Amino acid sequence: MKPCKNNNNSGTLYFLFSIISFGGESLKGFSFALLVGIIFGTYSSIYVAGALVVDIEKYIYKKKVQS
């Protein structure tokens, strides 16, 4: 995962926590939905995409060995 993506997520999470803490009722639901989306997106970027890259590299290596 790129460091700049991690920094962007961290900054956005700080902003959303401050909106949830200090914002009005109409902003809390919206910021909670964004918070859940960022958490699941970060999880997907780290674990799901990483495993996919490993599987693709194994597949390419097997193709090279067979050739």
C-alpha atoms as a PDB file:
ATOM      1  CA  MET A   1       0.000   0.000   0.000  1.00  0.00           C
ATOM      2  CA  LYS A   2       1.278   3.429  -0.850  1.00  0.00           C
ATOM      3  CA  PRO A   3       2.254   5.646   2.093  1.00  0.00           C
ATOM      4  CA  CYS A   4       0.403   8.632   0.637  1.00  0.00           C
ATOM      5  CA  LYS A   5      -2.868   6.660   0.608  1.00  0.00           C
ATOM      6  CA  ASN A   6      -2.338   5.749   4.258  1.00  0.00           C
ATOM      7  CA  ASN A   7      -1.679   9.403   5.136  1.00  0.00           C
ATOM      8  CA  ASN A   8      -4.783  10.502   3.245  1.00  0.00           C
ATOM      9  CA  ASN A   9      -6.917   7.976   5.118  1.00  0.00           C
ATOM     10  CA  SER A  10      -5.450   9.068   8.449  1.00  0.00           C
ATOM     11  CA  GLY A  11      -6.155  12.719   7.789  1.00  0.00           C
ATOM     12  CA  THR A  12      -9.688  11.977   6.647  1.00  0.00           C
ATOM     13  CA  LEU A  13     -10.341   9.841   9.725  1.00  0.00           C
ATOM     14  CA  TYR A  14      -9.202  12.656  12.045  1.00  0.00           C
ATOM     15  CA  PHE A  15     -11.531  15.028  10.222  1.00  0.00           C
ATOM     16  CA  LEU A  16     -14.469  12.628  10.435  1.00  0.00           C
ATOM     17  CA  PHE A  17     -13.932  11.968  14.139  1.00  0.00           C
ATOM     18  CA  SER A  18     -13.981  15.709  14.758  1.00  0.00           C
ATOM     19  CA  ILE A  19     -17.215  16.072  12.768  1.00  0.00           C
ATOM     20  CA  ILE A  20     -18.779  13.192  14.709  1.00  0.00           C
ATOM     21  CA  SER A  21     -17.638  14.731  18.005  1.00  0.00           C
ATOM     22  CA  PHE A  22     -18.449  18.383  17.379  1.00  0.00           C
ATOM     23  CA  GLY A  23     -20.899  18.385  14.461  1.00  0.00           C
ATOM     24  CA  GLY A  24     -24.648  18.606  14.562  1.00  0.00           C
ATOM     25  CA  GLU A  25     -27.072  15.708  14.303  1.00  0.00           C
ATOM     26  CA  SER A  26     -27.469  16.025  10.543  1.00  0.00           C
ATOM     27  CA  LEU A  27     -23.707  15.651  10.012  1.00  0.00           C
ATOM     28  CA  LYS A  28     -23.224  12.704  12.376  1.00  0.00           C
ATOM     29  CA  GLY A  29     -25.043  10.170  10.210  1.00  0.00           C
ATOM     30  CA  PHE A  30     -23.266  11.323   7.068  1.00  0.00           C
ATOM     31  CA  SER A  31     -19.840  11.276   8.686  1.00  0.00           C
ATOM     32  CA  PHE A  32     -20.495   7.852  10.218  1.00  0.00           C
ATOM     33  CA  ALA A  33     -21.318   6.465   6.752  1.00  0.00           C
ATOM     34  CA  LEU A  34     -18.088   7.966   5.402  1.00  0.00           C
ATOM     35  CA  LEU A  35     -16.157   6.528   8.333  1.00  0.00           C
ATOM     36  CA  VAL A  36     -17.456   3.015   7.656  1.00  0.00           C
ATOM     37  CA  GLY A  37     -16.625   3.387   3.958  1.00  0.00           C
ATOM     38  CA  ILE A  38     -13.067   4.512   4.655  1.00  0.00           C
ATOM     39  CA  ILE A  39     -12.482   1.661   7.117  1.00  0.00           C
ATOM     40  CA  PHE A  40     -13.728  -0.985   4.672  1.00  0.00           C
ATOM     41  CA  GLY A  41     -11.851   0.631   1.786  1.00  0.00           C
ATOM     42  CA  THR A  42      -8.608   0.609   3.751  1.00  0.00           C
ATOM     43  CA  TYR A  43      -9.164  -3.022   4.727  1.00  0.00           C
ATOM     44  CA  SER A  44      -9.756  -3.890   1.084  1.00  0.00           C
ATOM     45  CA  SER A  45      -6.645  -2.048  -0.046  1.00  0.00           C
ATOM     46  CA  ILE A  46      -4.396  -3.760   2.481  1.00  0.00           C
ATOM     47  CA  TYR A  47      -5.638  -7.339   2.732  1.00  0.00           C
ATOM     48  CA  VAL A  48      -7.771  -8.185  -0.300  1.00  0.00           C
ATOM     49  CA  ALA A  49      -5.651  -6.432  -2.921  1.00  0.00           C
ATOM     50  CA  GLY A  50      -2.427  -7.712  -1.343  1.00  0.00           C
ATOM     51  CA  ALA A  51      -3.615 -11.320  -1.503  1.00  0.00           C
ATOM     52  CA  LEU A  52      -4.735 -10.792  -5.087  1.00  0.00           C
ATOM     53  CA  VAL A  53      -1.291  -9.520  -6.080  1.00  0.00           C
ATOM     54  CA  VAL A  54       0.374 -12.542  -4.477  1.00  0.00           C
ATOM     55  CA  ASP A  55      -1.945 -14.917  -6.362  1.00  0.00           C
ATOM     56  CA  ILE A  56      -1.278 -13.158  -9.672  1.00  0.00           C
ATOM     57  CA  GLU A  57       2.487 -13.309  -9.101  1.00  0.00           C
ATOM     58  CA  LYS A  58       2.266 -17.047  -8.350  1.00  0.00           C
ATOM     59  CA  TYR A  59       0.258 -17.576 -11.544  1.00  0.00           C
ATOM     60  CA  ILE A  60       2.785 -15.641 -13.646  1.00  0.00           C
ATOM     61  CA  TYR A  61       5.689 -17.547 -12.056  1.00  0.00           C
ATOM     62  CA  LYS A  62       4.045 -20.893 -12.838  1.00  0.00           C
ATOM     63  CA  LYS A  63       3.525 -19.811 -16.467  1.00  0.00           C
ATOM     64  CA  LYS A  64       7.207 -18.849 -16.776  1.00  0.00           C
ATOM     65  CA  VAL A  65       8.394 -22.130 -15.255  1.00  0.00           C
ATOM     66  CA  GLN A  66       6.188 -24.184 -17.573  1.00  0.00           C
ATOM     67  CA  SER A  67       7.403 -22.354 -20.675  1.00  0.00           C
END
